[in-house]
Amino acid sequence: MNRRTIRTLATALSVMAALAISGCSSDSGSGSDSGGKAAADKPKPTVSGAFMPEPVNDKMAGAFMVIKNDSGTADKLTAVTSPLSDDLQIHETKDQKMQQVPSMDVPANGELKLERGGNHIMFMGLKDKPKVGDKVTIELRFEKADPVKVELDVKERTYQAQNNNAH
């Protein structure tokens, strides 16, 4: 009886091992597909409406834009760099108070709006004071997506971005 149990277990294990091996070999074929799918789902953010109002002084300036994420994978804006300042901060506005935050969510199949009176990017300690018509280069860094270089158009201080939903 003991040998019979062992033989039955050995047969069952052999069958399971054969199924696992055949499952793995067919999975490895689709594994590269799922790896490709994961790479295809890597966020590739796009930016529209990027601008900076002409700074009032050489101490600080704001930057505004819409960061769109058409992928099925959520991401986070984690840092911003620019030759114009060594100190760029990501700010959120809550209860009419702005505060620096370490990151901001860029939702899957959604967008992050950085706008006046709301969430935005702050340049602290400008190296230069750009004028209307100038362009300021920044690089957005994300948790998952590759960095994105953006050119901000320097606009009049009173400039208001057009609401894309107003059509």
N, C-alpha and C. Protein backbone atom coordinates (compact mmCIF):
# COMPACT_ATOMS: atom_id res chain seq x y z
N MET A 1 0.83 -1.18 0.00
CA MET A 1 0.00 0.00 0.00
C MET A 1 0.87 1.25 0.00
N ASN A 2 1.95 1.20 0.73
CA ASN A 2 2.85 2.33 0.81
C ASN A 2 3.50 2.62 -0.55
N ARG A 3 3.95 1.53 -1.24
CA ARG A 3 4.55 1.70 -2.56
C ARG A 3 3.53 2.24 -3.56
N ARG A 4 2.32 1.76 -3.44
CA ARG A 4 1.26 2.20 -4.35
C ARG A 4 0.99 3.69 -4.17
N THR A 5 0.96 4.16 -2.97
CA THR A 5 0.76 5.58 -2.68
C THR A 5 1.90 6.40 -3.24
N ILE A 6 3.11 5.89 -3.05
CA ILE A 6 4.29 6.60 -3.57
C ILE A 6 4.24 6.64 -5.09
N ARG A 7 3.90 5.50 -5.71
CA ARG A 7 3.82 5.45 -7.18
C ARG A 7 2.75 6.41 -7.68
N THR A 8 1.61 6.48 -7.03
CA THR A 8 0.52 7.38 -7.41
C THR A 8 0.97 8.83 -7.29
N LEU A 9 1.64 9.15 -6.18
CA LEU A 9 2.15 10.52 -5.99
C LEU A 9 3.19 10.87 -7.03
N ALA A 10 4.08 9.92 -7.34
CA ALA A 10 5.12 10.16 -8.34
C ALA A 10 4.49 10.42 -9.70
N THR A 11 3.47 9.64 -10.04
CA THR A 11 2.78 9.84 -11.32
C THR A 11 2.10 11.21 -11.36
N ALA A 12 1.41 11.54 -10.26
CA ALA A 12 0.72 12.83 -10.20
C ALA A 12 1.73 13.98 -10.31
N LEU A 13 2.87 13.87 -9.63
CA LEU A 13 3.89 14.91 -9.71
C LEU A 13 4.47 15.02 -11.11
N SER A 14 4.66 13.88 -11.78
CA SER A 14 5.17 13.88 -13.15
C SER A 14 4.21 14.60 -14.08
N VAL A 15 2.91 14.30 -13.93
CA VAL A 15 1.90 14.96 -14.76
C VAL A 15 1.89 16.47 -14.48
N MET A 16 1.94 16.85 -13.20
CA MET A 16 1.94 18.27 -12.85
C MET A 16 3.19 18.97 -13.39
N ALA A 17 4.33 18.28 -13.28
CA ALA A 17 5.57 18.86 -13.79
C ALA A 17 5.49 19.05 -15.29
N ALA A 18 4.94 18.08 -16.01
CA ALA A 18 4.79 18.19 -17.47
C ALA A 18 3.87 19.34 -17.82
N LEU A 19 2.77 19.48 -17.08
CA LEU A 19 1.85 20.60 -17.33
C LEU A 19 2.53 21.94 -17.03
N ALA A 20 3.27 21.98 -15.95
CA ALA A 20 3.96 23.23 -15.58
C ALA A 20 4.98 23.63 -16.63
N ILE A 21 5.73 22.62 -17.11
CA ILE A 21 6.75 22.90 -18.12
C ILE A 21 6.10 23.37 -19.41
N SER A 22 5.04 22.68 -19.84
CA SER A 22 4.39 23.10 -21.08
C SER A 22 3.72 24.45 -20.88
N GLY A 23 3.20 24.69 -19.68
CA GLY A 23 2.61 26.00 -19.39
C GLY A 23 3.64 27.09 -19.42
N CYS A 24 4.81 26.80 -18.87
CA CYS A 24 5.88 27.80 -18.85
C CYS A 24 6.36 28.11 -20.25
N SER A 25 6.49 27.04 -21.08
CA SER A 25 7.01 27.30 -22.42
C SER A 25 6.02 28.11 -23.23
N SER A 26 4.72 27.87 -23.06
CA SER A 26 3.77 28.69 -23.80
C SER A 26 3.67 30.07 -23.16
N ASP A 27 3.87 30.15 -21.85
CA ASP A 27 3.87 31.46 -21.19
C ASP A 27 5.06 32.30 -21.62
N SER A 28 6.21 31.66 -21.84
CA SER A 28 7.38 32.44 -22.21
C SER A 28 7.17 33.10 -23.55
N GLY A 29 6.41 32.47 -24.43
CA GLY A 29 6.08 33.11 -25.70
C GLY A 29 5.19 34.31 -25.46
N SER A 30 4.15 34.13 -24.64
CA SER A 30 3.27 35.25 -24.37
C SER A 30 3.90 36.19 -23.36
N GLY A 31 4.89 35.68 -22.62
CA GLY A 31 5.58 36.54 -21.66
C GLY A 31 6.26 37.69 -22.35
N SER A 32 6.85 37.42 -23.54
CA SER A 32 7.47 38.52 -24.27
C SER A 32 6.39 39.47 -24.77
N ASP A 33 5.20 38.91 -25.09
CA ASP A 33 4.11 39.79 -25.50
C ASP A 33 3.68 40.66 -24.34
N SER A 34 3.53 40.05 -23.15
CA SER A 34 3.12 40.86 -22.01
C SER A 34 4.22 41.84 -21.64
N GLY A 35 5.48 41.47 -21.83
CA GLY A 35 6.57 42.42 -21.61
C GLY A 35 6.46 43.57 -22.58
N GLY A 36 6.13 43.25 -23.84
CA GLY A 36 5.92 44.28 -24.84
C GLY A 36 4.74 45.15 -24.48
N LYS A 37 3.71 44.52 -23.95
CA LYS A 37 2.51 45.27 -23.55
C LYS A 37 2.85 46.21 -22.40
N ALA A 38 3.65 45.71 -21.45
CA ALA A 38 4.05 46.56 -20.34
C ALA A 38 4.84 47.76 -20.85
N ALA A 39 5.73 47.51 -21.81
CA ALA A 39 6.49 48.62 -22.38
C ALA A 39 5.56 49.56 -23.13
N ALA A 40 4.56 49.00 -23.82
CA ALA A 40 3.62 49.83 -24.56
C ALA A 40 2.76 50.65 -23.59
N ASP A 41 2.52 50.10 -22.38
CA ASP A 41 1.72 50.81 -21.39
C ASP A 41 2.53 51.81 -20.57
N LYS A 42 3.86 51.84 -20.78
CA LYS A 42 4.68 52.81 -20.07
C LYS A 42 4.18 54.21 -20.45
N PRO A 43 3.89 55.03 -19.46
CA PRO A 43 3.35 56.35 -19.79
C PRO A 43 4.30 57.15 -20.69
N LYS A 44 3.73 57.84 -21.65
CA LYS A 44 4.46 58.77 -22.52
C LYS A 44 3.72 60.09 -22.47
N PRO A 45 3.94 60.86 -21.42
CA PRO A 45 3.16 62.08 -21.25
C PRO A 45 3.41 63.09 -22.37
N THR A 46 2.36 63.83 -22.71
CA THR A 46 2.47 64.94 -23.65
C THR A 46 2.04 66.20 -22.92
N VAL A 47 2.57 67.33 -23.37
CA VAL A 47 2.31 68.60 -22.69
C VAL A 47 1.70 69.57 -23.69
N SER A 48 0.69 70.30 -23.25
CA SER A 48 0.10 71.35 -24.08
C SER A 48 -0.09 72.62 -23.26
N GLY A 49 -0.17 73.74 -23.97
CA GLY A 49 -0.47 75.02 -23.33
C GLY A 49 0.56 75.49 -22.32
N ALA A 50 1.82 75.09 -22.47
CA ALA A 50 2.86 75.43 -21.48
C ALA A 50 3.24 76.90 -21.59
N PHE A 51 3.16 77.61 -20.46
CA PHE A 51 3.57 79.02 -20.45
C PHE A 51 4.04 79.46 -19.08
N MET A 52 4.75 80.58 -19.08
CA MET A 52 5.19 81.24 -17.86
C MET A 52 4.80 82.72 -18.00
N PRO A 53 4.04 83.25 -17.04
CA PRO A 53 3.81 84.70 -17.08
C PRO A 53 5.14 85.42 -16.85
N GLU A 54 5.33 86.55 -17.51
CA GLU A 54 6.56 87.30 -17.31
C GLU A 54 6.75 87.57 -15.82
N PRO A 55 7.92 87.21 -15.28
CA PRO A 55 8.14 87.41 -13.83
C PRO A 55 8.13 88.89 -13.46
N VAL A 56 7.58 89.17 -12.28
CA VAL A 56 7.55 90.53 -11.75
C VAL A 56 8.94 90.91 -11.24
N ASN A 57 9.66 89.93 -10.68
CA ASN A 57 11.00 90.18 -10.15
C ASN A 57 11.89 89.00 -10.50
N ASP A 58 13.12 89.02 -10.00
CA ASP A 58 14.03 87.91 -10.31
C ASP A 58 14.06 86.87 -9.19
N LYS A 59 13.07 86.90 -8.32
CA LYS A 59 13.03 85.96 -7.21
C LYS A 59 12.22 84.70 -7.52
N MET A 60 11.09 84.87 -8.25
CA MET A 60 10.26 83.70 -8.50
C MET A 60 9.37 83.89 -9.72
N ALA A 61 8.91 82.76 -10.24
CA ALA A 61 7.98 82.75 -11.37
C ALA A 61 7.20 81.44 -11.34
N GLY A 62 6.05 81.44 -11.98
CA GLY A 62 5.24 80.23 -12.06
C GLY A 62 5.25 79.65 -13.45
N ALA A 63 4.92 78.38 -13.56
CA ALA A 63 4.78 77.71 -14.85
C ALA A 63 3.49 76.91 -14.84
N PHE A 64 2.80 76.95 -15.98
CA PHE A 64 1.49 76.33 -16.08
C PHE A 64 1.40 75.53 -17.38
N MET A 65 0.65 74.43 -17.36
CA MET A 65 0.52 73.57 -18.54
C MET A 65 -0.47 72.46 -18.23
N VAL A 66 -0.77 71.67 -19.24
CA VAL A 66 -1.57 70.46 -19.06
C VAL A 66 -0.69 69.29 -19.47
N ILE A 67 -0.53 68.33 -18.56
CA ILE A 67 0.25 67.12 -18.82
C ILE A 67 -0.76 66.00 -19.02
N LYS A 68 -0.76 65.45 -20.24
CA LYS A 68 -1.73 64.42 -20.60
C LYS A 68 -1.06 63.06 -20.62
N ASN A 69 -1.78 62.06 -20.10
CA ASN A 69 -1.29 60.69 -20.06
C ASN A 69 -2.31 59.79 -20.76
N ASP A 70 -2.00 59.39 -22.00
CA ASP A 70 -2.92 58.55 -22.76
C ASP A 70 -2.72 57.06 -22.50
N SER A 71 -1.81 56.70 -21.61
CA SER A 71 -1.57 55.28 -21.35
C SER A 71 -2.51 54.79 -20.26
N GLY A 72 -2.58 53.48 -20.12
CA GLY A 72 -3.40 52.87 -19.08
C GLY A 72 -2.68 52.78 -17.75
N THR A 73 -1.49 53.39 -17.65
CA THR A 73 -0.69 53.32 -16.44
C THR A 73 -0.58 54.71 -15.81
N ALA A 74 -0.98 54.84 -14.56
CA ALA A 74 -0.85 56.11 -13.85
C ALA A 74 0.63 56.41 -13.60
N ASP A 75 0.95 57.69 -13.45
CA ASP A 75 2.33 58.10 -13.20
C ASP A 75 2.31 59.25 -12.21
N LYS A 76 3.50 59.73 -11.88
CA LYS A 76 3.63 60.88 -10.98
C LYS A 76 4.68 61.83 -11.53
N LEU A 77 4.38 63.12 -11.50
CA LEU A 77 5.38 64.15 -11.76
C LEU A 77 6.19 64.27 -10.48
N THR A 78 7.51 64.01 -10.57
CA THR A 78 8.32 63.96 -9.35
C THR A 78 9.35 65.08 -9.24
N ALA A 79 9.69 65.72 -10.36
CA ALA A 79 10.70 66.78 -10.31
C ALA A 79 10.66 67.59 -11.60
N VAL A 80 11.18 68.80 -11.52
CA VAL A 80 11.29 69.68 -12.68
C VAL A 80 12.65 70.36 -12.60
N THR A 81 13.34 70.43 -13.73
CA THR A 81 14.64 71.11 -13.77
C THR A 81 14.62 72.14 -14.89
N SER A 82 15.50 73.14 -14.77
CA SER A 82 15.62 74.17 -15.80
C SER A 82 16.92 74.92 -15.62
N PRO A 83 17.52 75.37 -16.73
CA PRO A 83 18.72 76.21 -16.62
C PRO A 83 18.42 77.57 -15.97
N LEU A 84 17.14 77.96 -15.93
CA LEU A 84 16.76 79.27 -15.40
C LEU A 84 16.82 79.35 -13.87
N SER A 85 16.75 78.21 -13.21
CA SER A 85 16.75 78.19 -11.74
C SER A 85 17.24 76.84 -11.24
N ASP A 86 17.95 76.87 -10.13
CA ASP A 86 18.40 75.63 -9.50
C ASP A 86 17.36 75.07 -8.54
N ASP A 87 16.26 75.81 -8.33
CA ASP A 87 15.25 75.42 -7.36
C ASP A 87 13.86 75.52 -7.98
N LEU A 88 13.41 74.42 -8.58
CA LEU A 88 12.04 74.36 -9.10
C LEU A 88 11.24 73.47 -8.17
N GLN A 89 10.04 73.93 -7.84
CA GLN A 89 9.21 73.21 -6.89
C GLN A 89 7.85 72.89 -7.49
N ILE A 90 7.31 71.76 -7.09
CA ILE A 90 5.95 71.38 -7.48
C ILE A 90 5.04 71.84 -6.34
N HIS A 91 4.06 72.67 -6.68
CA HIS A 91 3.17 73.24 -5.66
C HIS A 91 1.74 72.81 -5.91
N GLU A 92 1.05 72.50 -4.82
CA GLU A 92 -0.39 72.29 -4.90
C GLU A 92 -1.06 73.43 -4.15
N THR A 93 -2.27 73.75 -4.55
CA THR A 93 -3.04 74.79 -3.88
C THR A 93 -4.25 74.15 -3.26
N LYS A 94 -4.35 74.28 -1.93
CA LYS A 94 -5.51 73.77 -1.19
C LYS A 94 -5.99 74.87 -0.26
N ASP A 95 -7.28 75.11 -0.26
CA ASP A 95 -7.87 76.14 0.59
C ASP A 95 -7.16 77.48 0.39
N GLN A 96 -6.89 77.81 -0.86
CA GLN A 96 -6.25 79.06 -1.28
C GLN A 96 -4.86 79.25 -0.69
N LYS A 97 -4.21 78.15 -0.30
CA LYS A 97 -2.84 78.21 0.20
C LYS A 97 -2.00 77.27 -0.66
N MET A 98 -0.82 77.76 -1.09
CA MET A 98 0.03 76.88 -1.87
C MET A 98 1.10 76.28 -0.97
N GLN A 99 1.44 75.03 -1.29
CA GLN A 99 2.49 74.37 -0.53
C GLN A 99 3.25 73.43 -1.45
N GLN A 100 4.53 73.27 -1.16
CA GLN A 100 5.36 72.38 -1.96
C GLN A 100 5.00 70.95 -1.64
N VAL A 101 4.96 70.10 -2.69
CA VAL A 101 4.70 68.67 -2.53
C VAL A 101 5.79 67.90 -3.26
N PRO A 102 6.08 66.66 -2.85
CA PRO A 102 7.14 65.89 -3.50
C PRO A 102 6.77 65.39 -4.90
N SER A 103 5.46 65.25 -5.17
CA SER A 103 5.03 64.74 -6.48
C SER A 103 3.56 65.07 -6.69
N MET A 104 3.12 64.88 -7.95
CA MET A 104 1.70 65.03 -8.28
C MET A 104 1.30 63.90 -9.20
N ASP A 105 0.10 63.38 -8.98
CA ASP A 105 -0.40 62.28 -9.80
C ASP A 105 -0.74 62.73 -11.21
N VAL A 106 -0.37 61.89 -12.16
CA VAL A 106 -0.79 62.04 -13.55
C VAL A 106 -1.59 60.78 -13.84
N PRO A 107 -2.93 60.87 -13.76
CA PRO A 107 -3.75 59.66 -13.82
C PRO A 107 -3.68 58.94 -15.17
N ALA A 108 -3.90 57.63 -15.14
CA ALA A 108 -3.97 56.84 -16.36
C ALA A 108 -5.13 57.38 -17.21
N ASN A 109 -4.90 57.50 -18.51
CA ASN A 109 -5.92 58.02 -19.43
C ASN A 109 -6.53 59.32 -18.93
N GLY A 110 -5.69 60.18 -18.36
CA GLY A 110 -6.17 61.44 -17.81
C GLY A 110 -5.14 62.53 -17.97
N GLU A 111 -5.29 63.58 -17.17
CA GLU A 111 -4.36 64.69 -17.26
C GLU A 111 -4.17 65.37 -15.92
N LEU A 112 -3.03 66.03 -15.81
CA LEU A 112 -2.71 66.86 -14.66
C LEU A 112 -2.71 68.29 -15.17
N LYS A 113 -3.60 69.11 -14.61
CA LYS A 113 -3.68 70.52 -15.02
C LYS A 113 -2.89 71.36 -14.02
N LEU A 114 -1.92 72.08 -14.55
CA LEU A 114 -1.16 73.04 -13.74
C LEU A 114 -1.63 74.41 -14.22
N GLU A 115 -2.37 75.13 -13.35
CA GLU A 115 -3.03 76.36 -13.79
C GLU A 115 -3.03 77.41 -12.69
N ARG A 116 -3.23 78.65 -13.11
CA ARG A 116 -3.30 79.76 -12.15
C ARG A 116 -4.37 79.46 -11.10
N GLY A 117 -4.03 79.74 -9.85
CA GLY A 117 -4.98 79.53 -8.77
C GLY A 117 -5.07 78.07 -8.34
N GLY A 118 -4.31 77.21 -9.00
CA GLY A 118 -4.35 75.78 -8.68
C GLY A 118 -2.95 75.22 -8.57
N ASN A 119 -2.79 73.96 -8.90
CA ASN A 119 -1.48 73.32 -8.86
C ASN A 119 -0.59 73.94 -9.94
N HIS A 120 0.70 74.05 -9.66
CA HIS A 120 1.62 74.72 -10.58
C HIS A 120 3.07 74.37 -10.25
N ILE A 121 3.97 74.87 -11.08
CA ILE A 121 5.41 74.73 -10.85
C ILE A 121 5.93 76.11 -10.50
N MET A 122 6.79 76.18 -9.49
CA MET A 122 7.40 77.46 -9.07
C MET A 122 8.89 77.44 -9.32
N PHE A 123 9.38 78.49 -9.96
CA PHE A 123 10.82 78.75 -10.08
C PHE A 123 11.18 79.63 -8.91
N MET A 124 12.16 79.22 -8.12
CA MET A 124 12.62 80.03 -6.98
C MET A 124 14.03 80.51 -7.31
N GLY A 125 14.30 81.81 -7.14
CA GLY A 125 15.63 82.35 -7.39
C GLY A 125 16.04 82.25 -8.85
N LEU A 126 15.43 83.08 -9.70
CA LEU A 126 15.73 83.07 -11.13
C LEU A 126 17.15 83.56 -11.41
N LYS A 127 17.82 82.93 -12.35
CA LYS A 127 19.17 83.35 -12.76
C LYS A 127 19.07 84.51 -13.75
N ASP A 128 17.95 84.60 -14.45
CA ASP A 128 17.66 85.64 -15.42
C ASP A 128 16.20 86.02 -15.28
N LYS A 129 15.81 87.15 -15.86
CA LYS A 129 14.41 87.53 -15.84
C LYS A 129 13.90 87.53 -17.28
N PRO A 130 13.24 86.44 -17.71
CA PRO A 130 12.78 86.37 -19.09
C PRO A 130 11.71 87.41 -19.39
N LYS A 131 11.65 87.81 -20.66
CA LYS A 131 10.69 88.83 -21.13
C LYS A 131 9.63 88.17 -22.00
N VAL A 132 8.52 88.86 -22.18
CA VAL A 132 7.45 88.38 -23.05
C VAL A 132 8.04 88.03 -24.42
N GLY A 133 7.69 86.86 -24.93
CA GLY A 133 8.20 86.41 -26.22
C GLY A 133 9.37 85.45 -26.09
N ASP A 134 10.04 85.44 -24.94
CA ASP A 134 11.14 84.50 -24.71
C ASP A 134 10.58 83.08 -24.55
N LYS A 135 11.48 82.12 -24.61
CA LYS A 135 11.13 80.72 -24.32
C LYS A 135 12.03 80.24 -23.19
N VAL A 136 11.44 79.50 -22.28
CA VAL A 136 12.17 78.94 -21.14
C VAL A 136 12.06 77.43 -21.23
N THR A 137 13.20 76.75 -21.19
CA THR A 137 13.21 75.29 -21.27
C THR A 137 13.16 74.68 -19.88
N ILE A 138 12.31 73.67 -19.75
CA ILE A 138 12.26 72.89 -18.51
C ILE A 138 12.27 71.42 -18.88
N GLU A 139 12.58 70.59 -17.92
CA GLU A 139 12.48 69.14 -18.11
C GLU A 139 11.62 68.59 -16.98
N LEU A 140 10.56 67.90 -17.36
CA LEU A 140 9.68 67.25 -16.39
C LEU A 140 10.19 65.84 -16.16
N ARG A 141 10.25 65.44 -14.89
CA ARG A 141 10.69 64.08 -14.55
C ARG A 141 9.54 63.36 -13.87
N PHE A 142 9.43 62.09 -14.23
CA PHE A 142 8.31 61.28 -13.77
C PHE A 142 8.80 60.02 -13.07
N GLU A 143 7.90 59.41 -12.31
CA GLU A 143 8.21 58.16 -11.62
C GLU A 143 8.45 57.03 -12.63
N LYS A 144 7.64 56.94 -13.68
CA LYS A 144 7.73 55.83 -14.63
C LYS A 144 8.13 56.27 -16.03
N ALA A 145 7.60 57.37 -16.50
CA ALA A 145 7.85 57.82 -17.87
C ALA A 145 9.25 58.42 -18.00
N ASP A 146 9.74 58.44 -19.24
CA ASP A 146 11.01 59.12 -19.51
C ASP A 146 10.83 60.62 -19.33
N PRO A 147 11.92 61.34 -19.05
CA PRO A 147 11.82 62.80 -18.90
C PRO A 147 11.27 63.45 -20.18
N VAL A 148 10.57 64.57 -20.01
CA VAL A 148 9.97 65.30 -21.13
C VAL A 148 10.49 66.73 -21.10
N LYS A 149 11.12 67.16 -22.22
CA LYS A 149 11.56 68.55 -22.33
C LYS A 149 10.39 69.38 -22.84
N VAL A 150 10.22 70.56 -22.24
CA VAL A 150 9.10 71.44 -22.58
C VAL A 150 9.64 72.86 -22.74
N GLU A 151 9.13 73.57 -23.74
CA GLU A 151 9.45 74.99 -23.89
C GLU A 151 8.26 75.79 -23.43
N LEU A 152 8.50 76.63 -22.42
CA LEU A 152 7.45 77.51 -21.92
C LEU A 152 7.51 78.82 -22.71
N ASP A 153 6.37 79.26 -23.22
CA ASP A 153 6.29 80.58 -23.84
C ASP A 153 6.12 81.59 -22.71
N VAL A 154 6.95 82.63 -22.70
CA VAL A 154 6.79 83.69 -21.71
C VAL A 154 5.70 84.63 -22.22
N LYS A 155 4.65 84.77 -21.42
CA LYS A 155 3.47 85.56 -21.79
C LYS A 155 3.34 86.79 -20.90
N GLU A 156 2.41 87.66 -21.28
CA GLU A 156 2.13 88.83 -20.45
C GLU A 156 1.70 88.36 -19.06
N ARG A 157 1.92 89.20 -18.08
CA ARG A 157 1.59 88.82 -16.68
C ARG A 157 0.11 88.52 -16.50
N THR A 158 -0.74 89.13 -17.32
CA THR A 158 -2.19 88.95 -17.17
C THR A 158 -2.74 87.82 -18.04
N TYR A 159 -1.86 87.12 -18.77
CA TYR A 159 -2.30 86.08 -19.71
C TYR A 159 -3.08 84.99 -18.98
N GLN A 160 -4.18 84.57 -19.59
CA GLN A 160 -4.97 83.45 -19.08
C GLN A 160 -5.04 82.38 -20.17
N ALA A 161 -4.70 81.17 -19.82
CA ALA A 161 -4.78 80.06 -20.78
C ALA A 161 -6.22 79.83 -21.18
N GLN A 162 -6.42 79.47 -22.43
CA GLN A 162 -7.77 79.17 -22.91
C GLN A 162 -8.21 77.83 -22.38
N ASN A 163 -9.43 77.74 -21.93
CA ASN A 163 -9.97 76.48 -21.44
C ASN A 163 -10.28 75.59 -22.64
N ASN A 164 -9.63 74.43 -22.72
CA ASN A 164 -9.83 73.52 -23.85
C ASN A 164 -11.25 72.97 -23.92
N ASN A 165 -11.99 73.03 -22.84
CA ASN A 165 -13.35 72.49 -22.85
C ASN A 165 -14.38 73.53 -23.27
N ALA A 166 -13.94 74.71 -23.63
CA ALA A 166 -14.87 75.80 -23.94
C ALA A 166 -15.41 75.73 -25.37
N HIS A 167 -14.96 74.78 -26.17
CA HIS A 167 -15.38 74.70 -27.58
C HIS A 167 -16.86 74.51 -27.69
